[in-house]
Amino acid sequence: ETLAEVGIADHAERPASGLPYGTLKRVEL
């Protein structure tokens, strides 16, 4: 639910490595 709130629920099962920097910022948020 938190990932959906910040707009990146579709990346839930992807490894953090290789994701765009803006997406990684949202992961940390």
PDB file of all heavy atoms in Angstrom:
ATOM      1  N   GLU A   1       0.832  -1.210   0.000  1.00  0.00           N
ATOM      2  CA  GLU A   1       0.000   0.000   0.000  1.00  0.00           C
ATOM      3  C   GLU A   1       0.861   1.252   0.000  1.00  0.00           C
ATOM      4  O   GLU A   1       0.532   2.247  -0.670  1.00  0.00           O
ATOM      5  CB  GLU A   1      -0.920  -0.008   1.220  1.00  0.00           C
ATOM      6  CG  GLU A   1      -2.042  -1.031   1.151  1.00  0.00           C
ATOM      7  CD  GLU A   1      -2.866  -1.070   2.421  1.00  0.00           C
ATOM      8  OE1 GLU A   1      -2.468  -0.403   3.417  1.00  0.00           O
ATOM      9  OE2 GLU A   1      -3.904  -1.763   2.437  1.00  0.00           O
ATOM     10  N   THR A   2       1.962   1.214   0.735  1.00  0.00           N
ATOM     11  CA  THR A   2       2.860   2.365   0.790  1.00  0.00           C
ATOM     12  C   THR A   2       3.528   2.588  -0.561  1.00  0.00           C
ATOM     13  O   THR A   2       3.666   3.737  -1.019  1.00  0.00           O
ATOM     14  CB  THR A   2       3.922   2.165   1.883  1.00  0.00           C
ATOM     15  OG1 THR A   2       3.266   1.919   3.132  1.00  0.00           O
ATOM     16  CG2 THR A   2       4.798   3.401   2.019  1.00  0.00           C
ATOM     17  N   LEU A   3       3.941   1.511  -1.222  1.00  0.00           N
ATOM     18  CA  LEU A   3       4.513   1.644  -2.556  1.00  0.00           C
ATOM     19  C   LEU A   3       3.492   2.240  -3.530  1.00  0.00           C
ATOM     20  O   LEU A   3       3.842   3.061  -4.382  1.00  0.00           O
ATOM     21  CB  LEU A   3       4.985   0.277  -3.060  1.00  0.00           C
ATOM     22  CG  LEU A   3       6.272  -0.261  -2.429  1.00  0.00           C
ATOM     23  CD1 LEU A   3       6.512  -1.705  -2.862  1.00  0.00           C
ATOM     24  CD2 LEU A   3       7.461   0.612  -2.813  1.00  0.00           C
ATOM     25  N   ALA A   4       2.238   1.850  -3.395  1.00  0.00           N
ATOM     26  CA  ALA A   4       1.196   2.421  -4.245  1.00  0.00           C
ATOM     27  C   ALA A   4       1.027   3.909  -3.968  1.00  0.00           C
ATOM     28  O   ALA A   4       0.817   4.705  -4.890  1.00  0.00           O
ATOM     29  CB  ALA A   4      -0.123   1.676  -4.026  1.00  0.00           C
ATOM     30  N   GLU A   5       1.115   4.294  -2.705  1.00  0.00           N
ATOM     31  CA  GLU A   5       0.986   5.704  -2.343  1.00  0.00           C
ATOM     32  C   GLU A   5       2.020   6.581  -3.044  1.00  0.00           C
ATOM     33  O   GLU A   5       1.741   7.712  -3.422  1.00  0.00           O
ATOM     34  CB  GLU A   5       1.155   5.879  -0.831  1.00  0.00           C
ATOM     35  CG  GLU A   5      -0.078   5.675  -0.013  1.00  0.00           C
ATOM     36  CD  GLU A   5       0.161   6.073   1.423  1.00  0.00           C
ATOM     37  OE1 GLU A   5       0.852   5.328   2.139  1.00  0.00           O
ATOM     38  OE2 GLU A   5      -0.329   7.141   1.837  1.00  0.00           O
ATOM     39  N   VAL A   6       3.237   6.058  -3.177  1.00  0.00           N
ATOM     40  CA  VAL A   6       4.304   6.864  -3.793  1.00  0.00           C
ATOM     41  C   VAL A   6       4.454   6.550  -5.281  1.00  0.00           C
ATOM     42  O   VAL A   6       5.382   7.046  -5.933  1.00  0.00           O
ATOM     43  CB  VAL A   6       5.651   6.668  -3.063  1.00  0.00           C
ATOM     44  CG1 VAL A   6       5.522   7.064  -1.595  1.00  0.00           C
ATOM     45  CG2 VAL A   6       6.181   5.240  -3.194  1.00  0.00           C
ATOM     46  N   GLY A   7       3.548   5.726  -5.831  1.00  0.00           N
ATOM     47  CA  GLY A   7       3.473   5.554  -7.271  1.00  0.00           C
ATOM     48  C   GLY A   7       4.399   4.527  -7.890  1.00  0.00           C
ATOM     49  O   GLY A   7       4.645   4.576  -9.100  1.00  0.00           O
ATOM     50  N   ILE A   8       4.894   3.569  -7.109  1.00  0.00           N
ATOM     51  CA  ILE A   8       5.837   2.596  -7.674  1.00  0.00           C
ATOM     52  C   ILE A   8       5.468   1.166  -7.302  1.00  0.00           C
ATOM     53  O   ILE A   8       6.341   0.295  -7.219  1.00  0.00           O
ATOM     54  CB  ILE A   8       7.293   2.899  -7.240  1.00  0.00           C
ATOM     55  CG1 ILE A   8       7.411   2.966  -5.711  1.00  0.00           C
ATOM     56  CG2 ILE A   8       7.806   4.161  -7.904  1.00  0.00           C
ATOM     57  CD1 ILE A   8       8.859   3.031  -5.232  1.00  0.00           C
ATOM     58  N   ALA A   9       4.187   0.874  -7.123  1.00  0.00           N
ATOM     59  CA  ALA A   9       3.762  -0.475  -6.757  1.00  0.00           C
ATOM     60  C   ALA A   9       4.149  -1.495  -7.824  1.00  0.00           C
ATOM     61  O   ALA A   9       4.411  -2.659  -7.512  1.00  0.00           O
ATOM     62  CB  ALA A   9       2.254  -0.509  -6.521  1.00  0.00           C
ATOM     63  N   ASP A  10       4.215  -1.074  -9.086  1.00  0.00           N
ATOM     64  CA  ASP A  10       4.547  -2.000 -10.165  1.00  0.00           C
ATOM     65  C   ASP A  10       6.001  -2.441 -10.144  1.00  0.00           C
ATOM     66  O   ASP A  10       6.390  -3.364 -10.869  1.00  0.00           O
ATOM     67  CB  ASP A  10       4.212  -1.379 -11.526  1.00  0.00           C
ATOM     68  CG  ASP A  10       4.872  -0.032 -11.753  1.00  0.00           C
ATOM     69  OD1 ASP A  10       5.153   0.666 -10.761  1.00  0.00           O
ATOM     70  OD2 ASP A  10       5.099   0.326 -12.924  1.00  0.00           O
ATOM     71  N   HIS A  11       6.828  -1.801  -9.303  1.00  0.00           N
ATOM     72  CA  HIS A  11       8.238  -2.184  -9.187  1.00  0.00           C
ATOM     73  C   HIS A  11       8.497  -3.070  -7.965  1.00  0.00           C
ATOM     74  O   HIS A  11       9.658  -3.372  -7.660  1.00  0.00           O
ATOM     75  CB  HIS A  11       9.121  -0.932  -9.069  1.00  0.00           C
ATOM     76  CG  HIS A  11       9.133  -0.086 -10.299  1.00  0.00           C
ATOM     77  ND1 HIS A  11       9.660  -0.506 -11.494  1.00  0.00           N
ATOM     78  CD2 HIS A  11       8.681   1.170 -10.523  1.00  0.00           C
ATOM     79  CE1 HIS A  11       9.550   0.449 -12.400  1.00  0.00           C
ATOM     80  NE2 HIS A  11       8.943   1.471 -11.844  1.00  0.00           N
ATOM     81  N   ALA A  12       7.451  -3.503  -7.288  1.00  0.00           N
ATOM     82  CA  ALA A  12       7.610  -4.166  -5.993  1.00  0.00           C
ATOM     83  C   ALA A  12       8.548  -5.361  -6.038  1.00  0.00           C
ATOM     84  O   ALA A  12       9.350  -5.564  -5.109  1.00  0.00           O
ATOM     85  CB  ALA A  12       6.245  -4.598  -5.443  1.00  0.00           C
ATOM     86  N   GLU A  13       8.480  -6.157  -7.076  1.00  0.00           N
ATOM     87  CA  GLU A  13       9.272  -7.392  -7.118  1.00  0.00           C
ATOM     88  C   GLU A  13      10.584  -7.228  -7.876  1.00  0.00           C
ATOM     89  O   GLU A  13      11.327  -8.204  -8.052  1.00  0.00           O
ATOM     90  CB  GLU A  13       8.445  -8.519  -7.753  1.00  0.00           C
ATOM     91  CG  GLU A  13       7.176  -8.854  -6.993  1.00  0.00           C
ATOM     92  CD  GLU A  13       7.435  -9.247  -5.547  1.00  0.00           C
ATOM     93  OE1 GLU A  13       8.498  -9.843  -5.267  1.00  0.00           O
ATOM     94  OE2 GLU A  13       6.580  -8.953  -4.691  1.00  0.00           O
ATOM     95  N   ARG A  14      10.893  -6.030  -8.304  1.00  0.00           N
ATOM     96  CA  ARG A  14      12.152  -5.803  -9.012  1.00  0.00           C
ATOM     97  C   ARG A  14      13.270  -5.501  -8.023  1.00  0.00           C
ATOM     98  O   ARG A  14      13.035  -4.858  -6.987  1.00  0.00           O
ATOM     99  CB  ARG A  14      12.008  -4.622  -9.986  1.00  0.00           C
ATOM    100  CG  ARG A  14      11.060  -4.879 -11.132  1.00  0.00           C
ATOM    101  CD  ARG A  14      11.056  -3.721 -12.107  1.00  0.00           C
ATOM    102  NE  ARG A  14      12.385  -3.490 -12.682  1.00  0.00           N
ATOM    103  CZ  ARG A  14      12.655  -2.499 -13.541  1.00  0.00           C
ATOM    104  NH1 ARG A  14      11.687  -1.660 -13.898  1.00  0.00           N
ATOM    105  NH2 ARG A  14      13.870  -2.366 -14.015  1.00  0.00           N
ATOM    106  N   PRO A  15      14.494  -5.933  -8.308  1.00  0.00           N
ATOM    107  CA  PRO A  15      15.614  -5.555  -7.435  1.00  0.00           C
ATOM    108  C   PRO A  15      15.866  -4.057  -7.520  1.00  0.00           C
ATOM    109  O   PRO A  15      15.621  -3.425  -8.562  1.00  0.00           O
ATOM    110  CB  PRO A  15      16.793  -6.360  -7.992  1.00  0.00           C
ATOM    111  CG  PRO A  15      16.413  -6.701  -9.392  1.00  0.00           C
ATOM    112  CD  PRO A  15      14.919  -6.810  -9.417  1.00  0.00           C
ATOM    113  N   ALA A  16      16.337  -3.482  -6.431  1.00  0.00           N
ATOM    114  CA  ALA A  16      16.584  -2.036  -6.412  1.00  0.00           C
ATOM    115  C   ALA A  16      17.681  -1.646  -7.392  1.00  0.00           C
ATOM    116  O   ALA A  16      17.629  -0.560  -7.981  1.00  0.00           O
ATOM    117  CB  ALA A  16      16.953  -1.598  -4.994  1.00  0.00           C
ATOM    118  N   SER A  17      18.658  -2.510  -7.580  1.00  0.00           N
ATOM    119  CA  SER A  17      19.752  -2.180  -8.490  1.00  0.00           C
ATOM    120  C   SER A  17      19.224  -2.053  -9.916  1.00  0.00           C
ATOM    121  O   SER A  17      18.403  -2.848 -10.369  1.00  0.00           O
ATOM    122  CB  SER A  17      20.832  -3.259  -8.450  1.00  0.00           C
ATOM    123  OG  SER A  17      20.315  -4.503  -8.863  1.00  0.00           O
ATOM    124  N   GLY A  18      19.688  -1.010 -10.613  1.00  0.00           N
ATOM    125  CA  GLY A  18      19.292  -0.816 -11.997  1.00  0.00           C
ATOM    126  C   GLY A  18      18.063   0.038 -12.197  1.00  0.00           C
ATOM    127  O   GLY A  18      17.747   0.419 -13.330  1.00  0.00           O
ATOM    128  N   LEU A  19      17.345   0.368 -11.125  1.00  0.00           N
ATOM    129  CA  LEU A  19      16.170   1.226 -11.272  1.00  0.00           C
ATOM    130  C   LEU A  19      16.597   2.681 -11.456  1.00  0.00           C
ATOM    131  O   LEU A  19      17.649   3.099 -10.967  1.00  0.00           O
ATOM    132  CB  LEU A  19      15.266   1.105 -10.037  1.00  0.00           C
ATOM    133  CG  LEU A  19      14.530  -0.217  -9.856  1.00  0.00           C
ATOM    134  CD1 LEU A  19      13.799  -0.228  -8.525  1.00  0.00           C
ATOM    135  CD2 LEU A  19      13.557  -0.452 -11.004  1.00  0.00           C
ATOM    136  N   PRO A  20      15.783   3.489 -12.159  1.00  0.00           N
ATOM    137  CA  PRO A  20      16.112   4.907 -12.325  1.00  0.00           C
ATOM    138  C   PRO A  20      16.241   5.604 -10.976  1.00  0.00           C
ATOM    139  O   PRO A  20      15.590   5.228  -9.995  1.00  0.00           O
ATOM    140  CB  PRO A  20      14.915   5.461 -13.117  1.00  0.00           C
ATOM    141  CG  PRO A  20      14.317   4.274 -13.786  1.00  0.00           C
ATOM    142  CD  PRO A  20      14.541   3.120 -12.862  1.00  0.00           C
ATOM    143  N   TYR A  21      17.071   6.647 -10.953  1.00  0.00           N
ATOM    144  CA  TYR A  21      17.346   7.339  -9.700  1.00  0.00           C
ATOM    145  C   TYR A  21      16.074   7.903  -9.070  1.00  0.00           C
ATOM    146  O   TYR A  21      15.883   7.818  -7.846  1.00  0.00           O
ATOM    147  CB  TYR A  21      18.355   8.466  -9.946  1.00  0.00           C
ATOM    148  CG  TYR A  21      18.887   9.082  -8.674  1.00  0.00           C
ATOM    149  CD1 TYR A  21      19.824   8.423  -7.883  1.00  0.00           C
ATOM    150  CD2 TYR A  21      18.445  10.331  -8.257  1.00  0.00           C
ATOM    151  CE1 TYR A  21      20.307   8.975  -6.719  1.00  0.00           C
ATOM    152  CE2 TYR A  21      18.928  10.905  -7.081  1.00  0.00           C
ATOM    153  CZ  TYR A  21      19.851  10.216  -6.323  1.00  0.00           C
ATOM    154  OH  TYR A  21      20.324  10.782  -5.166  1.00  0.00           O
ATOM    155  N   GLY A  22      15.200   8.472  -9.888  1.00  0.00           N
ATOM    156  CA  GLY A  22      13.955   9.026  -9.348  1.00  0.00           C
ATOM    157  C   GLY A  22      13.096   7.966  -8.681  1.00  0.00           C
ATOM    158  O   GLY A  22      12.436   8.233  -7.669  1.00  0.00           O
ATOM    159  N   THR A  23      13.106   6.748  -9.237  1.00  0.00           N
ATOM    160  CA  THR A  23      12.366   5.640  -8.630  1.00  0.00           C
ATOM    161  C   THR A  23      12.992   5.235  -7.303  1.00  0.00           C
ATOM    162  O   THR A  23      12.285   4.966  -6.317  1.00  0.00           O
ATOM    163  CB  THR A  23      12.333   4.438  -9.586  1.00  0.00           C
ATOM    164  OG1 THR A  23      11.738   4.836 -10.830  1.00  0.00           O
ATOM    165  CG2 THR A  23      11.532   3.290  -8.987  1.00  0.00           C
ATOM    166  N   LEU A  24      14.328   5.205  -7.262  1.00  0.00           N
ATOM    167  CA  LEU A  24      15.013   4.848  -6.011  1.00  0.00           C
ATOM    168  C   LEU A  24      14.707   5.857  -4.907  1.00  0.00           C
ATOM    169  O   LEU A  24      14.580   5.482  -3.738  1.00  0.00           O
ATOM    170  CB  LEU A  24      16.519   4.770  -6.251  1.00  0.00           C
ATOM    171  CG  LEU A  24      16.992   3.649  -7.179  1.00  0.00           C
ATOM    172  CD1 LEU A  24      18.491   3.738  -7.412  1.00  0.00           C
ATOM    173  CD2 LEU A  24      16.620   2.277  -6.625  1.00  0.00           C
ATOM    174  N   LYS A  25      14.573   7.123  -5.270  1.00  0.00           N
ATOM    175  CA  LYS A  25      14.193   8.135  -4.281  1.00  0.00           C
ATOM    176  C   LYS A  25      12.829   7.801  -3.669  1.00  0.00           C
ATOM    177  O   LYS A  25      12.606   7.967  -2.468  1.00  0.00           O
ATOM    178  CB  LYS A  25      14.149   9.514  -4.939  1.00  0.00           C
ATOM    179  CG  LYS A  25      15.492  10.150  -5.182  1.00  0.00           C
ATOM    180  CD  LYS A  25      16.002  10.819  -3.913  1.00  0.00           C
ATOM    181  CE  LYS A  25      17.165  11.732  -4.181  1.00  0.00           C
ATOM    182  NZ  LYS A  25      17.614  12.460  -2.982  1.00  0.00           N
ATOM    183  N   ARG A  26      11.925   7.320  -4.509  1.00  0.00           N
ATOM    184  CA  ARG A  26      10.592   6.969  -4.016  1.00  0.00           C
ATOM    185  C   ARG A  26      10.630   5.699  -3.171  1.00  0.00           C
ATOM    186  O   ARG A  26       9.843   5.550  -2.234  1.00  0.00           O
ATOM    187  CB  ARG A  26       9.624   6.827  -5.182  1.00  0.00           C
ATOM    188  CG  ARG A  26       9.302   8.159  -5.852  1.00  0.00           C
ATOM    189  CD  ARG A  26       8.336   7.993  -7.001  1.00  0.00           C
ATOM    190  NE  ARG A  26       8.098   9.271  -7.653  1.00  0.00           N
ATOM    191  CZ  ARG A  26       6.904   9.859  -7.768  1.00  0.00           C
ATOM    192  NH1 ARG A  26       5.838   9.283  -7.245  1.00  0.00           N
ATOM    193  NH2 ARG A  26       6.773  11.016  -8.378  1.00  0.00           N
ATOM    194  N   VAL A  27      11.530   4.780  -3.508  1.00  0.00           N
ATOM    195  CA  VAL A  27      11.686   3.578  -2.679  1.00  0.00           C
ATOM    196  C   VAL A  27      12.116   3.979  -1.273  1.00  0.00           C
ATOM    197  O   VAL A  27      11.570   3.491  -0.274  1.00  0.00           O
ATOM    198  CB  VAL A  27      12.711   2.606  -3.297  1.00  0.00           C
ATOM    199  CG1 VAL A  27      12.941   1.416  -2.349  1.00  0.00           C
ATOM    200  CG2 VAL A  27      12.257   2.112  -4.656  1.00  0.00           C
ATOM    201  N   GLU A  28      13.091   4.875  -1.183  1.00  0.00           N
ATOM    202  CA  GLU A  28      13.558   5.291   0.136  1.00  0.00           C
ATOM    203  C   GLU A  28      12.462   6.042   0.894  1.00  0.00           C
ATOM    204  O   GLU A  28      12.305   5.877   2.106  1.00  0.00           O
ATOM    205  CB  GLU A  28      14.808   6.150   0.021  1.00  0.00           C
ATOM    206  CG  GLU A  28      15.404   6.439   1.387  1.00  0.00           C
ATOM    207  CD  GLU A  28      16.769   7.077   1.318  1.00  0.00           C
ATOM    208  OE1 GLU A  28      16.925   8.058   0.584  1.00  0.00           O
ATOM    209  OE2 GLU A  28      17.665   6.596   2.019  1.00  0.00           O
ATOM    210  N   LEU A  29      11.691   6.860   0.173  1.00  0.00           N
ATOM    211  CA  LEU A  29      10.573   7.551   0.813  1.00  0.00           C
ATOM    212  C   LEU A  29       9.558   6.538   1.336  1.00  0.00           C
ATOM    213  O   LEU A  29       9.073   6.655   2.471  1.00  0.00           O
ATOM    214  CB  LEU A  29       9.917   8.504  -0.187  1.00  0.00           C
ATOM    215  CG  LEU A  29       8.644   9.208   0.277  1.00  0.00           C
ATOM    216  CD1 LEU A  29       8.908  10.064   1.513  1.00  0.00           C
ATOM    217  CD2 LEU A  29       8.069  10.061  -0.858  1.00  0.00           C
TER     218      LEU A  29
END
